[in-house]
Amino acid sequence: MSCYICGRSVAPILLPDSEEYSCPDCGHYRITGAAIELLQQHVWKFDVYLVRRWIADQQGSGTTPLIDANIAARLMYY
């Protein structure tokens, strides 16, 4: 599989309603099935800079940053 942010080859952890990635370039994050579906339906790509910055900002929260459909829509490159 590939990192949804940068495309680098990484192994996901498949969860019931999301996938978890630990990308050496982008960081550790989870992405929901709804966000993945949104990316695939519209053939959108993440703005790599914005998503990496968002993940870095979330790191201090004590939980793995979760990209849901709402957050994904805000971090797209159009």
PDB file of N, CA and C in Angstrom:
ATOM      1  N   MET A   1       0.850  -1.186   0.000  1.00  0.00           N
ATOM      2  CA  MET A   1       0.000   0.000   0.000  1.00  0.00           C
ATOM      3  C   MET A   1       0.889   1.241   0.000  1.00  0.00           C
ATOM      4  N   SER A   2       0.255   2.355  -0.243  1.00  0.00           N
ATOM      5  CA  SER A   2       0.974   3.624  -0.302  1.00  0.00           C
ATOM      6  C   SER A   2       0.394   4.605   0.698  1.00  0.00           C
ATOM      7  N   CYS A   3       1.250   5.492   1.170  1.00  0.00           N
ATOM      8  CA  CYS A   3       0.809   6.588   2.021  1.00  0.00           C
ATOM      9  C   CYS A   3      -0.183   7.421   1.209  1.00  0.00           C
ATOM     10  N   TYR A   4      -1.313   7.743   1.797  1.00  0.00           N
ATOM     11  CA  TYR A   4      -2.324   8.537   1.093  1.00  0.00           C
ATOM     12  C   TYR A   4      -1.876   9.980   0.876  1.00  0.00           C
ATOM     13  N   ILE A   5      -0.849  10.390   1.593  1.00  0.00           N
ATOM     14  CA  ILE A   5      -0.409  11.779   1.498  1.00  0.00           C
ATOM     15  C   ILE A   5       0.667  11.947   0.434  1.00  0.00           C
ATOM     16  N   CYS A   6       1.745  11.162   0.528  1.00  0.00           N
ATOM     17  CA  CYS A   6       2.879  11.352  -0.376  1.00  0.00           C
ATOM     18  C   CYS A   6       3.068  10.224  -1.392  1.00  0.00           C
ATOM     19  N   GLY A   7       2.400   9.097  -1.203  1.00  0.00           N
ATOM     20  CA  GLY A   7       2.511   7.986  -2.135  1.00  0.00           C
ATOM     21  C   GLY A   7       3.637   7.014  -1.844  1.00  0.00           C
ATOM     22  N   ARG A   8       4.413   7.269  -0.794  1.00  0.00           N
ATOM     23  CA  ARG A   8       5.520   6.379  -0.439  1.00  0.00           C
ATOM     24  C   ARG A   8       4.972   5.016  -0.023  1.00  0.00           C
ATOM     25  N   SER A   9       5.693   3.966  -0.337  1.00  0.00           N
ATOM     26  CA  SER A   9       5.272   2.614   0.009  1.00  0.00           C
ATOM     27  C   SER A   9       5.412   2.391   1.520  1.00  0.00           C
ATOM     28  N   VAL A  10       4.289   2.143   2.175  1.00  0.00           N
ATOM     29  CA  VAL A  10       4.255   1.876   3.617  1.00  0.00           C
ATOM     30  C   VAL A  10       3.214   0.791   3.883  1.00  0.00           C
ATOM     31  N   ALA A  11       3.386   0.083   4.982  1.00  0.00           N
ATOM     32  CA  ALA A  11       2.444  -0.979   5.347  1.00  0.00           C
ATOM     33  C   ALA A  11       1.375  -0.408   6.277  1.00  0.00           C
ATOM     34  N   PRO A  12       0.111  -0.524   5.883  1.00  0.00           N
ATOM     35  CA  PRO A  12      -0.964  -0.005   6.745  1.00  0.00           C
ATOM     36  C   PRO A  12      -1.343  -1.002   7.823  1.00  0.00           C
ATOM     37  N   ILE A  13      -1.940  -0.480   8.867  1.00  0.00           N
ATOM     38  CA  ILE A  13      -2.621  -1.310   9.853  1.00  0.00           C
ATOM     39  C   ILE A  13      -4.098  -1.133   9.535  1.00  0.00           C
ATOM     40  N   LEU A  14      -4.747  -2.216   9.133  1.00  0.00           N
ATOM     41  CA  LEU A  14      -6.154  -2.146   8.750  1.00  0.00           C
ATOM     42  C   LEU A  14      -7.025  -2.282   9.986  1.00  0.00           C
ATOM     43  N   LEU A  15      -7.871  -1.304  10.205  1.00  0.00           N
ATOM     44  CA  LEU A  15      -8.797  -1.270  11.326  1.00  0.00           C
ATOM     45  C   LEU A  15     -10.217  -1.373  10.771  1.00  0.00           C
ATOM     46  N   PRO A  16     -11.211  -1.645  11.621  1.00  0.00           N
ATOM     47  CA  PRO A  16     -12.578  -1.829  11.113  1.00  0.00           C
ATOM     48  C   PRO A  16     -13.114  -0.662  10.284  1.00  0.00           C
ATOM     49  N   ASP A  17     -12.848   0.564  10.678  1.00  0.00           N
ATOM     50  CA  ASP A  17     -13.417   1.705   9.958  1.00  0.00           C
ATOM     51  C   ASP A  17     -12.362   2.702   9.478  1.00  0.00           C
ATOM     52  N   SER A  18     -11.091   2.297   9.547  1.00  0.00           N
ATOM     53  CA  SER A  18     -10.021   3.194   9.129  1.00  0.00           C
ATOM     54  C   SER A  18      -8.750   2.401   8.845  1.00  0.00           C
ATOM     55  N   GLU A  19      -7.739   3.120   8.360  1.00  0.00           N
ATOM     56  CA  GLU A  19      -6.423   2.539   8.136  1.00  0.00           C
ATOM     57  C   GLU A  19      -5.416   3.428   8.855  1.00  0.00           C
ATOM     58  N   GLU A  20      -4.382   2.816   9.408  1.00  0.00           N
ATOM     59  CA  GLU A  20      -3.369   3.562  10.142  1.00  0.00           C
ATOM     60  C   GLU A  20      -2.033   3.417   9.420  1.00  0.00           C
ATOM     61  N   TYR A  21      -1.332   4.535   9.282  1.00  0.00           N
ATOM     62  CA  TYR A  21      -0.062   4.569   8.567  1.00  0.00           C
ATOM     63  C   TYR A  21       1.005   5.224   9.421  1.00  0.00           C
ATOM     64  N   SER A  22       2.225   4.751   9.262  1.00  0.00           N
ATOM     65  CA  SER A  22       3.381   5.371   9.888  1.00  0.00           C
ATOM     66  C   SER A  22       4.390   5.621   8.771  1.00  0.00           C
ATOM     67  N   CYS A  23       4.262   6.768   8.151  1.00  0.00           N
ATOM     68  CA  CYS A  23       5.101   7.139   7.011  1.00  0.00           C
ATOM     69  C   CYS A  23       6.321   7.899   7.537  1.00  0.00           C
ATOM     70  N   PRO A  24       7.522   7.510   7.125  1.00  0.00           N
ATOM     71  CA  PRO A  24       8.716   8.218   7.590  1.00  0.00           C
ATOM     72  C   PRO A  24       8.740   9.690   7.166  1.00  0.00           C
ATOM     73  N   ASP A  25       8.058  10.028   6.082  1.00  0.00           N
ATOM     74  CA  ASP A  25       8.052  11.407   5.604  1.00  0.00           C
ATOM     75  C   ASP A  25       6.879  12.234   6.140  1.00  0.00           C
ATOM     76  N   CYS A  26       5.715  11.612   6.272  1.00  0.00           N
ATOM     77  CA  CYS A  26       4.503  12.342   6.654  1.00  0.00           C
ATOM     78  C   CYS A  26       4.162  12.219   8.143  1.00  0.00           C
ATOM     79  N   GLY A  27       4.582  11.145   8.773  1.00  0.00           N
ATOM     80  CA  GLY A  27       4.271  10.932  10.178  1.00  0.00           C
ATOM     81  C   GLY A  27       3.240   9.836  10.366  1.00  0.00           C
ATOM     82  N   HIS A  28       2.812   9.697  11.597  1.00  0.00           N
ATOM     83  CA  HIS A  28       1.864   8.651  11.991  1.00  0.00           C
ATOM     84  C   HIS A  28       0.452   9.240  11.959  1.00  0.00           C
ATOM     85  N   TYR A  29      -0.458   8.578  11.242  1.00  0.00           N
ATOM     86  CA  TYR A  29      -1.832   9.088  11.130  1.00  0.00           C
ATOM     87  C   TYR A  29      -2.791   7.945  10.829  1.00  0.00           C
ATOM     88  N   ARG A  30      -4.075   8.219  11.038  1.00  0.00           N
ATOM     89  CA  ARG A  30      -5.155   7.313  10.623  1.00  0.00           C
ATOM     90  C   ARG A  30      -6.027   8.056   9.633  1.00  0.00           C
ATOM     91  N   ILE A  31      -6.655   7.295   8.733  1.00  0.00           N
ATOM     92  CA  ILE A  31      -7.575   7.879   7.756  1.00  0.00           C
ATOM     93  C   ILE A  31      -8.828   7.007   7.714  1.00  0.00           C
ATOM     94  N   THR A  32      -9.982   7.629   7.778  1.00  0.00           N
ATOM     95  CA  THR A  32     -11.237   6.873   7.807  1.00  0.00           C
ATOM     96  C   THR A  32     -11.592   6.335   6.437  1.00  0.00           C
ATOM     97  N   GLY A  33     -12.436   5.335   6.426  1.00  0.00           N
ATOM     98  CA  GLY A  33     -12.944   4.776   5.181  1.00  0.00           C
ATOM     99  C   GLY A  33     -13.690   5.813   4.369  1.00  0.00           C
ATOM    100  N   ALA A  34     -14.427   6.699   5.040  1.00  0.00           N
ATOM    101  CA  ALA A  34     -15.165   7.755   4.334  1.00  0.00           C
ATOM    102  C   ALA A  34     -14.206   8.715   3.645  1.00  0.00           C
ATOM    103  N   ALA A  35     -13.097   9.034   4.274  1.00  0.00           N
ATOM    104  CA  ALA A  35     -12.109   9.925   3.662  1.00  0.00           C
ATOM    105  C   ALA A  35     -11.451   9.242   2.462  1.00  0.00           C
ATOM    106  N   ILE A  36     -11.150   7.966   2.590  1.00  0.00           N
ATOM    107  CA  ILE A  36     -10.565   7.212   1.487  1.00  0.00           C
ATOM    108  C   ILE A  36     -11.530   7.182   0.309  1.00  0.00           C
ATOM    109  N   GLU A  37     -12.800   6.944   0.597  1.00  0.00           N
ATOM    110  CA  GLU A  37     -13.823   6.916  -0.460  1.00  0.00           C
ATOM    111  C   GLU A  37     -13.927   8.274  -1.161  1.00  0.00           C
ATOM    112  N   LEU A  38     -13.866   9.347  -0.386  1.00  0.00           N
ATOM    113  CA  LEU A  38     -13.917  10.699  -0.947  1.00  0.00           C
ATOM    114  C   LEU A  38     -12.744  10.927  -1.906  1.00  0.00           C
ATOM    115  N   LEU A  39     -11.548  10.511  -1.499  1.00  0.00           N
ATOM    116  CA  LEU A  39     -10.362  10.651  -2.352  1.00  0.00           C
ATOM    117  C   LEU A  39     -10.542   9.878  -3.655  1.00  0.00           C
ATOM    118  N   GLN A  40     -11.035   8.660  -3.552  1.00  0.00           N
ATOM    119  CA  GLN A  40     -11.175   7.798  -4.718  1.00  0.00           C
ATOM    120  C   GLN A  40     -12.290   8.254  -5.654  1.00  0.00           C
ATOM    121  N   GLN A  41     -13.416   8.697  -5.105  1.00  0.00           N
ATOM    122  CA  GLN A  41     -14.545   9.133  -5.927  1.00  0.00           C
ATOM    123  C   GLN A  41     -14.204  10.345  -6.779  1.00  0.00           C
ATOM    124  N   HIS A  42     -13.487  11.287  -6.195  1.00  0.00           N
ATOM    125  CA  HIS A  42     -13.210  12.544  -6.880  1.00  0.00           C
ATOM    126  C   HIS A  42     -11.822  12.595  -7.506  1.00  0.00           C
ATOM    127  N   VAL A  43     -11.047  11.540  -7.325  1.00  0.00           N
ATOM    128  CA  VAL A  43      -9.671  11.470  -7.812  1.00  0.00           C
ATOM    129  C   VAL A  43      -8.884  12.687  -7.321  1.00  0.00           C
ATOM    130  N   TRP A  44      -9.094  13.016  -6.055  1.00  0.00           N
ATOM    131  CA  TRP A  44      -8.399  14.137  -5.430  1.00  0.00           C
ATOM    132  C   TRP A  44      -7.092  13.656  -4.838  1.00  0.00           C
ATOM    133  N   LYS A  45      -6.193  14.584  -4.617  1.00  0.00           N
ATOM    134  CA  LYS A  45      -4.931  14.310  -3.952  1.00  0.00           C
ATOM    135  C   LYS A  45      -4.763  15.318  -2.820  1.00  0.00           C
ATOM    136  N   PHE A  46      -4.089  14.871  -1.780  1.00  0.00           N
ATOM    137  CA  PHE A  46      -3.807  15.768  -0.663  1.00  0.00           C
ATOM    138  C   PHE A  46      -2.751  16.793  -1.044  1.00  0.00           C
ATOM    139  N   ASP A  47      -2.862  17.975  -0.461  1.00  0.00           N
ATOM    140  CA  ASP A  47      -1.802  18.969  -0.512  1.00  0.00           C
ATOM    141  C   ASP A  47      -0.783  18.500   0.526  1.00  0.00           C
ATOM    142  N   VAL A  48       0.322  17.950   0.069  1.00  0.00           N
ATOM    143  CA  VAL A  48       1.294  17.298   0.948  1.00  0.00           C
ATOM    144  C   VAL A  48       1.753  18.239   2.066  1.00  0.00           C
ATOM    145  N   TYR A  49       2.069  19.470   1.727  1.00  0.00           N
ATOM    146  CA  TYR A  49       2.531  20.424   2.728  1.00  0.00           C
ATOM    147  C   TYR A  49       1.472  20.664   3.805  1.00  0.00           C
ATOM    148  N   LEU A  50       0.229  20.910   3.392  1.00  0.00           N
ATOM    149  CA  LEU A  50      -0.841  21.177   4.358  1.00  0.00           C
ATOM    150  C   LEU A  50      -1.101  19.987   5.282  1.00  0.00           C
ATOM    151  N   VAL A  51      -1.123  18.782   4.722  1.00  0.00           N
ATOM    152  CA  VAL A  51      -1.424  17.606   5.538  1.00  0.00           C
ATOM    153  C   VAL A  51      -0.293  17.318   6.518  1.00  0.00           C
ATOM    154  N   ARG A  52       0.940  17.424   6.055  1.00  0.00           N
ATOM    155  CA  ARG A  52       2.073  17.198   6.969  1.00  0.00           C
ATOM    156  C   ARG A  52       2.074  18.215   8.096  1.00  0.00           C
ATOM    157  N   ARG A  53       1.764  19.464   7.779  1.00  0.00           N
ATOM    158  CA  ARG A  53       1.681  20.491   8.816  1.00  0.00           C
ATOM    159  C   ARG A  53       0.542  20.195   9.784  1.00  0.00           C
ATOM    160  N   TRP A  54      -0.610  19.756   9.255  1.00  0.00           N
ATOM    161  CA  TRP A  54      -1.755  19.419  10.106  1.00  0.00           C
ATOM    162  C   TRP A  54      -1.402  18.259  11.038  1.00  0.00           C
ATOM    163  N   ILE A  55      -0.759  17.217  10.508  1.00  0.00           N
ATOM    164  CA  ILE A  55      -0.355  16.070  11.331  1.00  0.00           C
ATOM    165  C   ILE A  55       0.610  16.522  12.420  1.00  0.00           C
ATOM    166  N   ALA A  56       1.595  17.338  12.079  1.00  0.00           N
ATOM    167  CA  ALA A  56       2.554  17.835  13.064  1.00  0.00           C
ATOM    168  C   ALA A  56       1.843  18.623  14.164  1.00  0.00           C
ATOM    169  N   ASP A  57       0.859  19.422  13.795  1.00  0.00           N
ATOM    170  CA  ASP A  57       0.093  20.197  14.780  1.00  0.00           C
ATOM    171  C   ASP A  57      -0.702  19.300  15.723  1.00  0.00           C
ATOM    172  N   GLN A  58      -1.146  18.137  15.239  1.00  0.00           N
ATOM    173  CA  GLN A  58      -1.973  17.225  16.025  1.00  0.00           C
ATOM    174  C   GLN A  58      -1.147  16.331  16.946  1.00  0.00           C
ATOM    175  N   GLN A  59       0.155  16.219  16.730  1.00  0.00           N
ATOM    176  CA  GLN A  59       0.997  15.275  17.452  1.00  0.00           C
ATOM    177  C   GLN A  59       0.944  15.451  18.969  1.00  0.00           C
ATOM    178  N   GLY A  60       0.789  16.638  19.487  1.00  0.00           N
ATOM    179  CA  GLY A  60       0.780  16.867  20.920  1.00  0.00           C
ATOM    180  C   GLY A  60      -0.521  16.504  21.615  1.00  0.00           C
ATOM    181  N   SER A  61      -1.520  16.043  20.880  1.00  0.00           N
ATOM    182  CA  SER A  61      -2.837  15.781  21.473  1.00  0.00           C
ATOM    183  C   SER A  61      -2.890  14.479  22.265  1.00  0.00           C
ATOM    184  N   GLY A  62      -1.905  13.606  22.095  1.00  0.00           N
ATOM    185  CA  GLY A  62      -1.907  12.334  22.813  1.00  0.00           C
ATOM    186  C   GLY A  62      -2.610  11.211  22.084  1.00  0.00           C
ATOM    187  N   THR A  63      -3.221  11.496  20.925  1.00  0.00           N
ATOM    188  CA  THR A  63      -3.868  10.470  20.116  1.00  0.00           C
ATOM    189  C   THR A  63      -3.320  10.541  18.699  1.00  0.00           C
ATOM    190  N   THR A  64      -3.495   9.474  17.961  1.00  0.00           N
ATOM    191  CA  THR A  64      -3.069   9.444  16.565  1.00  0.00           C
ATOM    192  C   THR A  64      -3.962  10.370  15.752  1.00  0.00           C
ATOM    193  N   PRO A  65      -3.374  11.295  14.986  1.00  0.00           N
ATOM    194  CA  PRO A  65      -4.195  12.185  14.163  1.00  0.00           C
ATOM    195  C   PRO A  65      -5.103  11.380  13.230  1.00  0.00           C
ATOM    196  N   LEU A  66      -6.372  11.763  13.187  1.00  0.00           N
ATOM    197  CA  LEU A  66      -7.375  11.063  12.389  1.00  0.00           C
ATOM    198  C   LEU A  66      -7.885  11.980  11.285  1.00  0.00           C
ATOM    199  N   ILE A  67      -7.666  11.563  10.054  1.00  0.00           N
ATOM    200  CA  ILE A  67      -8.171  12.306   8.902  1.00  0.00           C
ATOM    201  C   ILE A  67      -9.527  11.722   8.540  1.00  0.00           C
ATOM    202  N   ASP A  68     -10.588  12.489   8.808  1.00  0.00           N
ATOM    203  CA  ASP A  68     -11.929  12.049   8.417  1.00  0.00           C
ATOM    204  C   ASP A  68     -12.304  12.784   7.133  1.00  0.00           C
ATOM    205  N   ALA A  69     -13.493  12.555   6.634  1.00  0.00           N
ATOM    206  CA  ALA A  69     -13.908  13.144   5.358  1.00  0.00           C
ATOM    207  C   ALA A  69     -13.906  14.670   5.406  1.00  0.00           C
ATOM    208  N   ASN A  70     -14.313  15.265   6.515  1.00  0.00           N
ATOM    209  CA  ASN A  70     -14.345  16.728   6.626  1.00  0.00           C
ATOM    210  C   ASN A  70     -12.947  17.318   6.574  1.00  0.00           C
ATOM    211  N   ILE A  71     -12.031  16.719   7.312  1.00  0.00           N
ATOM    212  CA  ILE A  71     -10.657  17.199   7.327  1.00  0.00           C
ATOM    213  C   ILE A  71     -10.013  16.959   5.958  1.00  0.00           C
ATOM    214  N   ALA A  72     -10.266  15.803   5.369  1.00  0.00           N
ATOM    215  CA  ALA A  72      -9.698  15.485   4.063  1.00  0.00           C
ATOM    216  C   ALA A  72     -10.106  16.526   3.037  1.00  0.00           C
ATOM    217  N   ALA A  73     -11.360  16.932   3.036  1.00  0.00           N
ATOM    218  CA  ALA A  73     -11.844  17.912   2.063  1.00  0.00           C
ATOM    219  C   ALA A  73     -11.121  19.261   2.212  1.00  0.00           C
ATOM    220  N   ARG A  74     -10.720  19.596   3.432  1.00  0.00           N
ATOM    221  CA  ARG A  74     -10.021  20.851   3.665  1.00  0.00           C
ATOM    222  C   ARG A  74      -8.546  20.793   3.286  1.00  0.00           C
ATOM    223  N   LEU A  75      -7.997  19.590   3.162  1.00  0.00           N
ATOM    224  CA  LEU A  75      -6.564  19.434   2.929  1.00  0.00           C
ATOM    225  C   LEU A  75      -6.238  18.958   1.504  1.00  0.00           C
ATOM    226  N   MET A  76      -7.169  19.141   0.592  1.00  0.00           N
ATOM    227  CA  MET A  76      -6.990  18.689  -0.778  1.00  0.00           C
ATOM    228  C   MET A  76      -6.257  19.706  -1.626  1.00  0.00           C
ATOM    229  N   TYR A  77      -5.598  19.177  -2.647  1.00  0.00           N
ATOM    230  CA  TYR A  77      -4.980  19.984  -3.683  1.00  0.00           C
ATOM    231  C   TYR A  77      -5.918  19.907  -4.884  1.00  0.00           C
ATOM    232  N   TYR A  78      -6.467  21.021  -5.287  1.00  0.00           N
ATOM    233  CA  TYR A  78      -7.438  21.034  -6.393  1.00  0.00           C
ATOM    234  C   TYR A  78      -6.798  21.485  -7.671  1.00  0.00           C
TER     235      TYR A  78
END
